PDB file of all heavy atoms in Angstrom:
ATOM      1  N   PHE A   1     -27.390   3.089  55.071  1.00  0.00           N
ATOM      2  CA  PHE A   1     -26.789   2.138  56.012  1.00  0.00           C
ATOM      3  C   PHE A   1     -25.319   1.869  55.701  1.00  0.00           C
ATOM      4  O   PHE A   1     -24.535   1.588  56.600  1.00  0.00           O
ATOM      5  CB  PHE A   1     -27.579   0.832  56.067  1.00  0.00           C
ATOM      6  CG  PHE A   1     -28.808   0.933  56.933  1.00  0.00           C
ATOM      7  CD1 PHE A   1     -30.064   0.917  56.372  1.00  0.00           C
ATOM      8  CD2 PHE A   1     -28.695   1.054  58.309  1.00  0.00           C
ATOM      9  CE1 PHE A   1     -31.200   1.013  57.168  1.00  0.00           C
ATOM     10  CE2 PHE A   1     -29.822   1.162  59.117  1.00  0.00           C
ATOM     11  CZ  PHE A   1     -31.079   1.137  58.540  1.00  0.00           C
ATOM     12  N   GLN A   2     -24.935   1.967  54.446  1.00  0.00           N
ATOM     13  CA  GLN A   2     -23.527   1.773  54.102  1.00  0.00           C
ATOM     14  C   GLN A   2     -22.673   2.936  54.580  1.00  0.00           C
ATOM     15  O   GLN A   2     -21.472   2.777  54.787  1.00  0.00           O
ATOM     16  CB  GLN A   2     -23.377   1.576  52.591  1.00  0.00           C
ATOM     17  CG  GLN A   2     -23.928   0.252  52.124  1.00  0.00           C
ATOM     18  CD  GLN A   2     -23.997   0.124  50.609  1.00  0.00           C
ATOM     19  OE1 GLN A   2     -23.641   1.034  49.875  1.00  0.00           O
ATOM     20  NE2 GLN A   2     -24.470  -1.025  50.141  1.00  0.00           N
ATOM     21  N   ASN A   3     -23.283   4.098  54.789  1.00  0.00           N
ATOM     22  CA  ASN A   3     -22.530   5.292  55.146  1.00  0.00           C
ATOM     23  C   ASN A   3     -22.828   5.844  56.539  1.00  0.00           C
ATOM     24  O   ASN A   3     -22.258   6.858  56.924  1.00  0.00           O
ATOM     25  CB  ASN A   3     -22.780   6.394  54.109  1.00  0.00           C
ATOM     26  CG  ASN A   3     -22.236   5.999  52.756  1.00  0.00           C
ATOM     27  OD1 ASN A   3     -21.046   5.774  52.601  1.00  0.00           O
ATOM     28  ND2 ASN A   3     -23.110   5.874  51.772  1.00  0.00           N
ATOM     29  N   ASN A   4     -23.720   5.207  57.282  1.00  0.00           N
ATOM     30  CA  ASN A   4     -24.082   5.672  58.623  1.00  0.00           C
ATOM     31  C   ASN A   4     -24.085   4.496  59.590  1.00  0.00           C
ATOM     32  O   ASN A   4     -24.783   3.518  59.364  1.00  0.00           O
ATOM     33  CB  ASN A   4     -25.468   6.329  58.614  1.00  0.00           C
ATOM     34  CG  ASN A   4     -25.495   7.609  57.822  1.00  0.00           C
ATOM     35  OD1 ASN A   4     -25.088   8.643  58.316  1.00  0.00           O
ATOM     36  ND2 ASN A   4     -25.952   7.533  56.576  1.00  0.00           N
ATOM     37  N   ALA A   5     -23.338   4.626  60.656  1.00  0.00           N
ATOM     38  CA  ALA A   5     -23.220   3.523  61.604  1.00  0.00           C
ATOM     39  C   ALA A   5     -24.006   3.763  62.891  1.00  0.00           C
ATOM     40  O   ALA A   5     -24.136   2.868  63.696  1.00  0.00           O
ATOM     41  CB  ALA A   5     -21.748   3.293  61.943  1.00  0.00           C
ATOM     42  N   GLY A   6     -24.532   4.958  63.082  1.00  0.00           N
ATOM     43  CA  GLY A   6     -25.208   5.285  64.338  1.00  0.00           C
ATOM     44  C   GLY A   6     -26.609   4.715  64.434  1.00  0.00           C
ATOM     45  O   GLY A   6     -27.089   3.999  63.549  1.00  0.00           O
ATOM     46  N   LYS A   7     -27.276   5.057  65.525  1.00  0.00           N
ATOM     47  CA  LYS A   7     -28.649   4.617  65.756  1.00  0.00           C
ATOM     48  C   LYS A   7     -29.574   5.190  64.684  1.00  0.00           C
ATOM     49  O   LYS A   7     -29.450   6.355  64.301  1.00  0.00           O
ATOM     50  CB  LYS A   7     -29.123   5.073  67.132  1.00  0.00           C
ATOM     51  CG  LYS A   7     -30.524   4.624  67.439  1.00  0.00           C
ATOM     52  CD  LYS A   7     -30.944   4.948  68.849  1.00  0.00           C
ATOM     53  CE  LYS A   7     -32.356   4.398  69.048  1.00  0.00           C
ATOM     54  NZ  LYS A   7     -32.711   4.289  70.434  1.00  0.00           N
ATOM     55  N   THR A   8     -30.500   4.359  64.228  1.00  0.00           N
ATOM     56  CA  THR A   8     -31.439   4.783  63.186  1.00  0.00           C
ATOM     57  C   THR A   8     -32.864   4.476  63.614  1.00  0.00           C
ATOM     58  O   THR A   8     -33.180   3.341  63.979  1.00  0.00           O
ATOM     59  CB  THR A   8     -31.143   4.066  61.851  1.00  0.00           C
ATOM     60  OG1 THR A   8     -29.796   4.347  61.468  1.00  0.00           O
ATOM     61  CG2 THR A   8     -32.099   4.531  60.765  1.00  0.00           C
ATOM     62  N   GLU A   9     -33.712   5.492  63.553  1.00  0.00           N
ATOM     63  CA  GLU A   9     -35.140   5.319  63.776  1.00  0.00           C
ATOM     64  C   GLU A   9     -35.804   5.293  62.406  1.00  0.00           C
ATOM     65  O   GLU A   9     -35.620   6.213  61.607  1.00  0.00           O
ATOM     66  CB  GLU A   9     -35.707   6.467  64.609  1.00  0.00           C
ATOM     67  CG  GLU A   9     -37.204   6.362  64.811  1.00  0.00           C
ATOM     68  CD  GLU A   9     -37.805   7.567  65.533  1.00  0.00           C
ATOM     69  OE1 GLU A   9     -37.166   8.641  65.551  1.00  0.00           O
ATOM     70  OE2 GLU A   9     -38.917   7.423  66.037  1.00  0.00           O
ATOM     71  N   VAL A  10     -36.543   4.224  62.129  1.00  0.00           N
ATOM     72  CA  VAL A  10     -37.277   4.102  60.872  1.00  0.00           C
ATOM     73  C   VAL A  10     -38.749   4.309  61.211  1.00  0.00           C
ATOM     74  O   VAL A  10     -39.318   3.568  62.019  1.00  0.00           O
ATOM     75  CB  VAL A  10     -37.046   2.736  60.201  1.00  0.00           C
ATOM     76  CG1 VAL A  10     -37.793   2.659  58.879  1.00  0.00           C
ATOM     77  CG2 VAL A  10     -35.554   2.471  60.004  1.00  0.00           C
ATOM     78  N   ILE A  11     -39.339   5.331  60.613  1.00  0.00           N
ATOM     79  CA  ILE A  11     -40.713   5.721  60.929  1.00  0.00           C
ATOM     80  C   ILE A  11     -41.597   5.508  59.707  1.00  0.00           C
ATOM     81  O   ILE A  11     -41.282   5.984  58.615  1.00  0.00           O
ATOM     82  CB  ILE A  11     -40.781   7.210  61.336  1.00  0.00           C
ATOM     83  CG1 ILE A  11     -39.899   7.464  62.553  1.00  0.00           C
ATOM     84  CG2 ILE A  11     -42.223   7.646  61.590  1.00  0.00           C
ATOM     85  CD1 ILE A  11     -39.623   8.935  62.802  1.00  0.00           C
ATOM     86  N   PHE A  12     -42.686   4.804  59.935  1.00  0.00           N
ATOM     87  CA  PHE A  12     -43.728   4.669  58.917  1.00  0.00           C
ATOM     88  C   PHE A  12     -45.001   5.252  59.503  1.00  0.00           C
ATOM     89  O   PHE A  12     -45.382   4.924  60.625  1.00  0.00           O
ATOM     90  CB  PHE A  12     -43.976   3.196  58.553  1.00  0.00           C
ATOM     91  CG  PHE A  12     -42.870   2.572  57.781  1.00  0.00           C
ATOM     92  CD1 PHE A  12     -41.867   1.865  58.424  1.00  0.00           C
ATOM     93  CD2 PHE A  12     -42.823   2.676  56.401  1.00  0.00           C
ATOM     94  CE1 PHE A  12     -40.844   1.277  57.712  1.00  0.00           C
ATOM     95  CE2 PHE A  12     -41.802   2.094  55.675  1.00  0.00           C
ATOM     96  CZ  PHE A  12     -40.806   1.392  56.336  1.00  0.00           C
ATOM     97  N   HIS A  13     -45.632   6.127  58.748  1.00  0.00           N
ATOM     98  CA  HIS A  13     -46.929   6.673  59.155  1.00  0.00           C
ATOM     99  C   HIS A  13     -47.767   6.771  57.884  1.00  0.00           C
ATOM    100  O   HIS A  13     -47.830   7.808  57.235  1.00  0.00           O
ATOM    101  CB  HIS A  13     -46.760   8.033  59.822  1.00  0.00           C
ATOM    102  CG  HIS A  13     -48.025   8.516  60.451  1.00  0.00           C
ATOM    103  ND1 HIS A  13     -48.085   9.648  61.199  1.00  0.00           N
ATOM    104  CD2 HIS A  13     -49.279   8.024  60.446  1.00  0.00           C
ATOM    105  CE1 HIS A  13     -49.317   9.833  61.629  1.00  0.00           C
ATOM    106  NE2 HIS A  13     -50.057   8.854  61.174  1.00  0.00           N
ATOM    107  N   LEU A  14     -48.354   5.642  57.531  1.00  0.00           N
ATOM    108  CA  LEU A  14     -49.079   5.542  56.264  1.00  0.00           C
ATOM    109  C   LEU A  14     -50.579   5.663  56.491  1.00  0.00           C
ATOM    110  O   LEU A  14     -51.135   5.009  57.363  1.00  0.00           O
ATOM    111  CB  LEU A  14     -48.731   4.221  55.583  1.00  0.00           C
ATOM    112  CG  LEU A  14     -47.252   4.082  55.229  1.00  0.00           C
ATOM    113  CD1 LEU A  14     -46.917   2.657  54.847  1.00  0.00           C
ATOM    114  CD2 LEU A  14     -46.883   5.037  54.108  1.00  0.00           C
ATOM    115  N   GLU A  15     -51.214   6.484  55.672  1.00  0.00           N
ATOM    116  CA  GLU A  15     -52.661   6.666  55.733  1.00  0.00           C
ATOM    117  C   GLU A  15     -53.369   5.582  54.932  1.00  0.00           C
ATOM    118  O   GLU A  15     -54.441   5.120  55.300  1.00  0.00           O
ATOM    119  CB  GLU A  15     -53.037   8.030  55.171  1.00  0.00           C
ATOM    120  CG  GLU A  15     -52.475   9.188  55.947  1.00  0.00           C
ATOM    121  CD  GLU A  15     -52.649  10.491  55.192  1.00  0.00           C
ATOM    122  OE1 GLU A  15     -53.426  10.551  54.209  1.00  0.00           O
ATOM    123  OE2 GLU A  15     -51.994  11.465  55.583  1.00  0.00           O
ATOM    124  N   TYR A  16     -52.764   5.232  53.806  1.00  0.00           N
ATOM    125  CA  TYR A  16     -53.323   4.208  52.932  1.00  0.00           C
ATOM    126  C   TYR A  16     -52.178   3.653  52.106  1.00  0.00           C
ATOM    127  O   TYR A  16     -51.242   4.363  51.770  1.00  0.00           O
ATOM    128  CB  TYR A  16     -54.407   4.778  52.000  1.00  0.00           C
ATOM    129  CG  TYR A  16     -55.053   3.712  51.163  1.00  0.00           C
ATOM    130  CD1 TYR A  16     -56.028   2.882  51.695  1.00  0.00           C
ATOM    131  CD2 TYR A  16     -54.648   3.517  49.854  1.00  0.00           C
ATOM    132  CE1 TYR A  16     -56.588   1.871  50.933  1.00  0.00           C
ATOM    133  CE2 TYR A  16     -55.213   2.506  49.081  1.00  0.00           C
ATOM    134  CZ  TYR A  16     -56.175   1.694  49.623  1.00  0.00           C
ATOM    135  OH  TYR A  16     -56.721   0.695  48.873  1.00  0.00           O
ATOM    136  N   ILE A  17     -52.266   2.364  51.768  1.00  0.00           N
ATOM    137  CA  ILE A  17     -51.192   1.738  51.005  1.00  0.00           C
ATOM    138  C   ILE A  17     -51.792   0.704  50.062  1.00  0.00           C
ATOM    139  O   ILE A  17     -52.651  -0.089  50.458  1.00  0.00           O
ATOM    140  CB  ILE A  17     -50.149   1.108  51.958  1.00  0.00           C
ATOM    141  CG1 ILE A  17     -48.992   0.493  51.194  1.00  0.00           C
ATOM    142  CG2 ILE A  17     -50.769   0.147  52.923  1.00  0.00           C
ATOM    143  CD1 ILE A  17     -47.815   0.116  52.064  1.00  0.00           C
ATOM    144  N   ASN A  18     -51.341   0.715  48.807  1.00  0.00           N
ATOM    145  CA  ASN A  18     -51.831  -0.282  47.858  1.00  0.00           C
ATOM    146  C   ASN A  18     -50.932  -1.525  47.889  1.00  0.00           C
ATOM    147  O   ASN A  18     -49.880  -1.537  48.525  1.00  0.00           O
ATOM    148  CB  ASN A  18     -51.965   0.304  46.450  1.00  0.00           C
ATOM    149  CG  ASN A  18     -50.655   0.732  45.823  1.00  0.00           C
ATOM    150  OD1 ASN A  18     -49.567   0.423  46.308  1.00  0.00           O
ATOM    151  ND2 ASN A  18     -50.742   1.475  44.735  1.00  0.00           N
ATOM    152  N   SER A  19     -51.345  -2.568  47.198  1.00  0.00           N
ATOM    153  CA  SER A  19     -50.625  -3.847  47.278  1.00  0.00           C
ATOM    154  C   SER A  19     -49.219  -3.753  46.699  1.00  0.00           C
ATOM    155  O   SER A  19     -48.291  -4.371  47.228  1.00  0.00           O
ATOM    156  CB  SER A  19     -51.418  -4.958  46.585  1.00  0.00           C
ATOM    157  OG  SER A  19     -51.674  -4.615  45.242  1.00  0.00           O
ATOM    158  N   GLY A  20     -49.022  -2.985  45.634  1.00  0.00           N
ATOM    159  CA  GLY A  20     -47.683  -2.831  45.072  1.00  0.00           C
ATOM    160  C   GLY A  20     -46.737  -2.159  46.054  1.00  0.00           C
ATOM    161  O   GLY A  20     -45.576  -2.545  46.191  1.00  0.00           O
ATOM    162  N   SER A  21     -47.237  -1.163  46.776  1.00  0.00           N
ATOM    163  CA  SER A  21     -46.422  -0.474  47.765  1.00  0.00           C
ATOM    164  C   SER A  21     -46.086  -1.386  48.944  1.00  0.00           C
ATOM    165  O   SER A  21     -44.990  -1.322  49.497  1.00  0.00           O
ATOM    166  CB  SER A  21     -47.153   0.768  48.281  1.00  0.00           C
ATOM    167  OG  SER A  21     -47.332   1.717  47.259  1.00  0.00           O
ATOM    168  N   LYS A  22     -47.033  -2.238  49.336  1.00  0.00           N
ATOM    169  CA  LYS A  22     -46.785  -3.155  50.460  1.00  0.00           C
ATOM    170  C   LYS A  22     -45.558  -4.018  50.194  1.00  0.00           C
ATOM    171  O   LYS A  22     -44.709  -4.198  51.062  1.00  0.00           O
ATOM    172  CB  LYS A  22     -48.002  -4.066  50.704  1.00  0.00           C
ATOM    173  CG  LYS A  22     -49.152  -3.388  51.358  1.00  0.00           C
ATOM    174  CD  LYS A  22     -50.304  -4.359  51.531  1.00  0.00           C
ATOM    175  CE  LYS A  22     -51.566  -3.630  51.944  1.00  0.00           C
ATOM    176  NZ  LYS A  22     -52.719  -4.524  52.050  1.00  0.00           N
ATOM    177  N   LYS A  23     -45.476  -4.564  49.010  1.00  0.00           N
ATOM    178  CA  LYS A  23     -44.345  -5.430  48.670  1.00  0.00           C
ATOM    179  C   LYS A  23     -43.028  -4.669  48.740  1.00  0.00           C
ATOM    180  O   LYS A  23     -42.037  -5.156  49.281  1.00  0.00           O
ATOM    181  CB  LYS A  23     -44.539  -6.037  47.284  1.00  0.00           C
ATOM    182  CG  LYS A  23     -43.361  -6.895  46.851  1.00  0.00           C
ATOM    183  CD  LYS A  23     -43.658  -7.663  45.607  1.00  0.00           C
ATOM    184  CE  LYS A  23     -42.521  -8.501  45.101  1.00  0.00           C
ATOM    185  NZ  LYS A  23     -41.561  -8.998  46.012  1.00  0.00           N
ATOM    186  N   LEU A  24     -43.016  -3.458  48.210  1.00  0.00           N
ATOM    187  CA  LEU A  24     -41.775  -2.696  48.176  1.00  0.00           C
ATOM    188  C   LEU A  24     -41.385  -2.168  49.554  1.00  0.00           C
ATOM    189  O   LEU A  24     -40.204  -2.109  49.888  1.00  0.00           O
ATOM    190  CB  LEU A  24     -41.887  -1.592  47.137  1.00  0.00           C
ATOM    191  CG  LEU A  24     -41.998  -2.211  45.733  1.00  0.00           C
ATOM    192  CD1 LEU A  24     -42.599  -1.249  44.745  1.00  0.00           C
ATOM    193  CD2 LEU A  24     -40.660  -2.722  45.247  1.00  0.00           C
ATOM    194  N   ILE A  25     -42.365  -1.831  50.379  1.00  0.00           N
ATOM    195  CA  ILE A  25     -42.058  -1.439  51.756  1.00  0.00           C
ATOM    196  C   ILE A  25     -41.535  -2.647  52.526  1.00  0.00           C
ATOM    197  O   ILE A  25     -40.617  -2.522  53.337  1.00  0.00           O
ATOM    198  CB  ILE A  25     -43.289  -0.793  52.422  1.00  0.00           C
ATOM    199  CG1 ILE A  25     -43.431   0.625  51.863  1.00  0.00           C
ATOM    200  CG2 ILE A  25     -43.166  -0.785  53.935  1.00  0.00           C
ATOM    201  CD1 ILE A  25     -44.620   1.390  52.329  1.00  0.00           C
ATOM    202  N   THR A  26     -42.090  -3.813  52.247  1.00  0.00           N
ATOM    203  CA  THR A  26     -41.562  -5.037  52.856  1.00  0.00           C
ATOM    204  C   THR A  26     -40.093  -5.220  52.480  1.00  0.00           C
ATOM    205  O   THR A  26     -39.259  -5.554  53.337  1.00  0.00           O
ATOM    206  CB  THR A  26     -42.393  -6.262  52.421  1.00  0.00           C
ATOM    207  OG1 THR A  26     -43.750  -6.064  52.829  1.00  0.00           O
ATOM    208  CG2 THR A  26     -41.852  -7.545  53.030  1.00  0.00           C
ATOM    209  N   ASN A  27     -39.753  -4.990  51.223  1.00  0.00           N
ATOM    210  CA  ASN A  27     -38.356  -5.105  50.792  1.00  0.00           C
ATOM    211  C   ASN A  27     -37.455  -4.125  51.543  1.00  0.00           C
ATOM    212  O   ASN A  27     -36.333  -4.468  51.925  1.00  0.00           O
ATOM    213  CB  ASN A  27     -38.235  -4.875  49.285  1.00  0.00           C
ATOM    214  CG  ASN A  27     -38.866  -5.975  48.469  1.00  0.00           C
ATOM    215  OD1 ASN A  27     -39.137  -7.067  48.968  1.00  0.00           O
ATOM    216  ND2 ASN A  27     -39.114  -5.702  47.201  1.00  0.00           N
ATOM    217  N   ILE A  28     -37.930  -2.902  51.750  1.00  0.00           N
ATOM    218  CA  ILE A  28     -37.147  -1.915  52.500  1.00  0.00           C
ATOM    219  C   ILE A  28     -36.942  -2.396  53.936  1.00  0.00           C
ATOM    220  O   ILE A  28     -35.837  -2.303  54.487  1.00  0.00           O
ATOM    221  CB  ILE A  28     -37.830  -0.532  52.448  1.00  0.00           C
ATOM    222  CG1 ILE A  28     -37.722   0.048  51.029  1.00  0.00           C
ATOM    223  CG2 ILE A  28     -37.230   0.421  53.491  1.00  0.00           C
ATOM    224  CD1 ILE A  28     -38.564   1.282  50.779  1.00  0.00           C
ATOM    225  N   LEU A  29     -37.988  -2.932  54.544  1.00  0.00           N
ATOM    226  CA  LEU A  29     -37.858  -3.441  55.913  1.00  0.00           C
ATOM    227  C   LEU A  29     -36.893  -4.621  55.988  1.00  0.00           C
ATOM    228  O   LEU A  29     -36.125  -4.739  56.948  1.00  0.00           O
ATOM    229  CB  LEU A  29     -39.232  -3.854  56.465  1.00  0.00           C
ATOM    230  CG  LEU A  29     -40.097  -2.705  56.943  1.00  0.00           C
ATOM    231  CD1 LEU A  29     -41.502  -3.201  57.246  1.00  0.00           C
ATOM    232  CD2 LEU A  29     -39.490  -2.036  58.158  1.00  0.00           C
ATOM    233  N   ILE A  30     -36.907  -5.478  54.986  1.00  0.00           N
ATOM    234  CA  ILE A  30     -35.970  -6.610  54.966  1.00  0.00           C
ATOM    235  C   ILE A  30     -34.534  -6.098  54.874  1.00  0.00           C
ATOM    236  O   ILE A  30     -33.639  -6.621  55.547  1.00  0.00           O
ATOM    237  CB  ILE A  30     -36.325  -7.582  53.824  1.00  0.00           C
ATOM    238  CG1 ILE A  30     -37.634  -8.315  54.165  1.00  0.00           C
ATOM    239  CG2 ILE A  30     -35.189  -8.574  53.561  1.00  0.00           C
ATOM    240  CD1 ILE A  30     -38.240  -9.088  53.020  1.00  0.00           C
ATOM    241  N   THR A  31     -34.316  -5.062  54.081  1.00  0.00           N
ATOM    242  CA  THR A  31     -32.983  -4.456  54.004  1.00  0.00           C
ATOM    243  C   THR A  31     -32.578  -3.890  55.370  1.00  0.00           C
ATOM    244  O   THR A  31     -31.450  -4.114  55.830  1.00  0.00           O
ATOM    245  CB  THR A  31     -32.952  -3.351  52.933  1.00  0.00           C
ATOM    246  OG1 THR A  31     -33.147  -3.971  51.656  1.00  0.00           O
ATOM    247  CG2 THR A  31     -31.628  -2.600  52.937  1.00  0.00           C
ATOM    248  N   CYS A  32     -33.478  -3.172  56.024  1.00  0.00           N
ATOM    249  CA  CYS A  32     -33.181  -2.650  57.365  1.00  0.00           C
ATOM    250  C   CYS A  32     -32.862  -3.795  58.318  1.00  0.00           C
ATOM    251  O   CYS A  32     -31.943  -3.703  59.142  1.00  0.00           O
ATOM    252  CB  CYS A  32     -34.365  -1.847  57.897  1.00  0.00           C
ATOM    253  SG  CYS A  32     -34.704  -0.307  57.030  1.00  0.00           S
ATOM    254  N   ASN A  33     -33.613  -4.876  58.210  1.00  0.00           N
ATOM    255  CA  ASN A  33     -33.404  -6.038  59.070  1.00  0.00           C
ATOM    256  C   ASN A  33     -32.030  -6.668  58.830  1.00  0.00           C
ATOM    257  O   ASN A  33     -31.352  -7.092  59.775  1.00  0.00           O
ATOM    258  CB  ASN A  33     -34.510  -7.063  58.833  1.00  0.00           C
ATOM    259  CG  ASN A  33     -34.575  -8.107  59.915  1.00  0.00           C
ATOM    260  OD1 ASN A  33     -34.882  -7.792  61.055  1.00  0.00           O
ATOM    261  ND2 ASN A  33     -34.290  -9.340  59.566  1.00  0.00           N
ATOM    262  N   ASP A  34     -31.603  -6.715  57.572  1.00  0.00           N
ATOM    263  CA  ASP A  34     -30.275  -7.252  57.256  1.00  0.00           C
ATOM    264  C   ASP A  34     -29.196  -6.444  57.971  1.00  0.00           C
ATOM    265  O   ASP A  34     -28.263  -7.015  58.547  1.00  0.00           O
ATOM    266  CB  ASP A  34     -30.026  -7.241  55.745  1.00  0.00           C
ATOM    267  CG  ASP A  34     -30.886  -8.246  54.989  1.00  0.00           C
ATOM    268  OD1 ASP A  34     -31.448  -9.171  55.626  1.00  0.00           O
ATOM    269  OD2 ASP A  34     -31.012  -8.091  53.756  1.00  0.00           O
ATOM    270  N   TYR A  35     -29.314  -5.122  57.937  1.00  0.00           N
ATOM    271  CA  TYR A  35     -28.324  -4.282  58.615  1.00  0.00           C
ATOM    272  C   TYR A  35     -28.432  -4.423  60.137  1.00  0.00           C
ATOM    273  O   TYR A  35     -27.420  -4.415  60.836  1.00  0.00           O
ATOM    274  CB  TYR A  35     -28.442  -2.824  58.170  1.00  0.00           C
ATOM    275  CG  TYR A  35     -27.861  -2.623  56.796  1.00  0.00           C
ATOM    276  CD1 TYR A  35     -28.675  -2.528  55.673  1.00  0.00           C
ATOM    277  CD2 TYR A  35     -26.485  -2.564  56.615  1.00  0.00           C
ATOM    278  CE1 TYR A  35     -28.127  -2.369  54.408  1.00  0.00           C
ATOM    279  CE2 TYR A  35     -25.932  -2.399  55.349  1.00  0.00           C
ATOM    280  CZ  TYR A  35     -26.765  -2.304  54.253  1.00  0.00           C
ATOM    281  OH  TYR A  35     -26.219  -2.156  53.003  1.00  0.00           O
ATOM    282  N   PHE A  36     -29.644  -4.566  60.649  1.00  0.00           N
ATOM    283  CA  PHE A  36     -29.827  -4.810  62.088  1.00  0.00           C
ATOM    284  C   PHE A  36     -29.113  -6.097  62.494  1.00  0.00           C
ATOM    285  O   PHE A  36     -28.422  -6.152  63.518  1.00  0.00           O
ATOM    286  CB  PHE A  36     -31.328  -4.895  62.412  1.00  0.00           C
ATOM    287  CG  PHE A  36     -31.620  -5.280  63.831  1.00  0.00           C
ATOM    288  CD1 PHE A  36     -31.513  -4.339  64.852  1.00  0.00           C
ATOM    289  CD2 PHE A  36     -32.009  -6.574  64.150  1.00  0.00           C
ATOM    290  CE1 PHE A  36     -31.786  -4.692  66.168  1.00  0.00           C
ATOM    291  CE2 PHE A  36     -32.287  -6.938  65.453  1.00  0.00           C
ATOM    292  CZ  PHE A  36     -32.176  -5.986  66.465  1.00  0.00           C
ATOM    293  N   ASN A  37     -29.260  -7.133  61.675  1.00  0.00           N
ATOM    294  CA  ASN A  37     -28.618  -8.419  61.971  1.00  0.00           C
ATOM    295  C   ASN A  37     -27.100  -8.351  61.870  1.00  0.00           C
ATOM    296  O   ASN A  37     -26.404  -9.207  62.412  1.00  0.00           O
ATOM    297  CB  ASN A  37     -29.173  -9.518  61.072  1.00  0.00           C
ATOM    298  CG  ASN A  37     -30.584  -9.913  61.466  1.00  0.00           C
ATOM    299  OD1 ASN A  37     -30.977  -9.786  62.619  1.00  0.00           O
ATOM    300  ND2 ASN A  37     -31.359 -10.376  60.503  1.00  0.00           N
ATOM    301  N   GLU A  38     -26.583  -7.325  61.191  1.00  0.00           N
ATOM    302  CA  GLU A  38     -25.135  -7.104  61.138  1.00  0.00           C
ATOM    303  C   GLU A  38     -24.642  -6.313  62.343  1.00  0.00           C
ATOM    304  O   GLU A  38     -23.462  -6.020  62.457  1.00  0.00           O
ATOM    305  CB  GLU A  38     -24.751  -6.349  59.861  1.00  0.00           C
ATOM    306  CG  GLU A  38     -24.888  -7.159  58.603  1.00  0.00           C
ATOM    307  CD  GLU A  38     -24.521  -6.361  57.357  1.00  0.00           C
ATOM    308  OE1 GLU A  38     -24.086  -5.191  57.471  1.00  0.00           O
ATOM    309  OE2 GLU A  38     -24.683  -6.914  56.258  1.00  0.00           O
ATOM    310  N   GLY A  39     -25.580  -5.939  63.227  1.00  0.00           N
ATOM    311  CA  GLY A  39     -25.189  -5.232  64.444  1.00  0.00           C
ATOM    312  C   GLY A  39     -25.564  -3.768  64.492  1.00  0.00           C
ATOM    313  O   GLY A  39     -25.212  -3.067  65.444  1.00  0.00           O
ATOM    314  N   ARG A  40     -26.282  -3.279  63.493  1.00  0.00           N
ATOM    315  CA  ARG A  40     -26.695  -1.873  63.495  1.00  0.00           C
ATOM    316  C   ARG A  40     -27.794  -1.647  64.527  1.00  0.00           C
ATOM    317  O   ARG A  40     -28.619  -2.520  64.777  1.00  0.00           O
ATOM    318  CB  ARG A  40     -27.209  -1.440  62.124  1.00  0.00           C
ATOM    319  CG  ARG A  40     -26.213  -1.583  61.015  1.00  0.00           C
ATOM    320  CD  ARG A  40     -24.999  -0.660  61.213  1.00  0.00           C
ATOM    321  NE  ARG A  40     -24.041  -0.850  60.173  1.00  0.00           N
ATOM    322  CZ  ARG A  40     -23.997  -0.136  59.057  1.00  0.00           C
ATOM    323  NH1 ARG A  40     -24.860   0.814  58.843  1.00  0.00           N
ATOM    324  NH2 ARG A  40     -23.081  -0.398  58.146  1.00  0.00           N
ATOM    325  N   ASP A  41     -27.817  -0.465  65.098  1.00  0.00           N
ATOM    326  CA  ASP A  41     -28.825  -0.068  66.077  1.00  0.00           C
ATOM    327  C   ASP A  41     -30.003   0.545  65.323  1.00  0.00           C
ATOM    328  O   ASP A  41     -29.938   1.702  64.904  1.00  0.00           O
ATOM    329  CB  ASP A  41     -28.207   0.927  67.056  1.00  0.00           C
ATOM    330  CG  ASP A  41     -29.119   1.252  68.232  1.00  0.00           C
ATOM    331  OD1 ASP A  41     -30.252   0.736  68.285  1.00  0.00           O
ATOM    332  OD2 ASP A  41     -28.687   2.044  69.092  1.00  0.00           O
TER     333      ASP A  41
END
């Protein structure tokens, strides 16, 4: 996100996820959300 300003599609296709992964994927989504709130597509 620091180096790309264009439209970004974030794709998740998970078959199974453990609790530790859920927290870290949530953190990644929060980061994406921060950039979205800065005006990123």
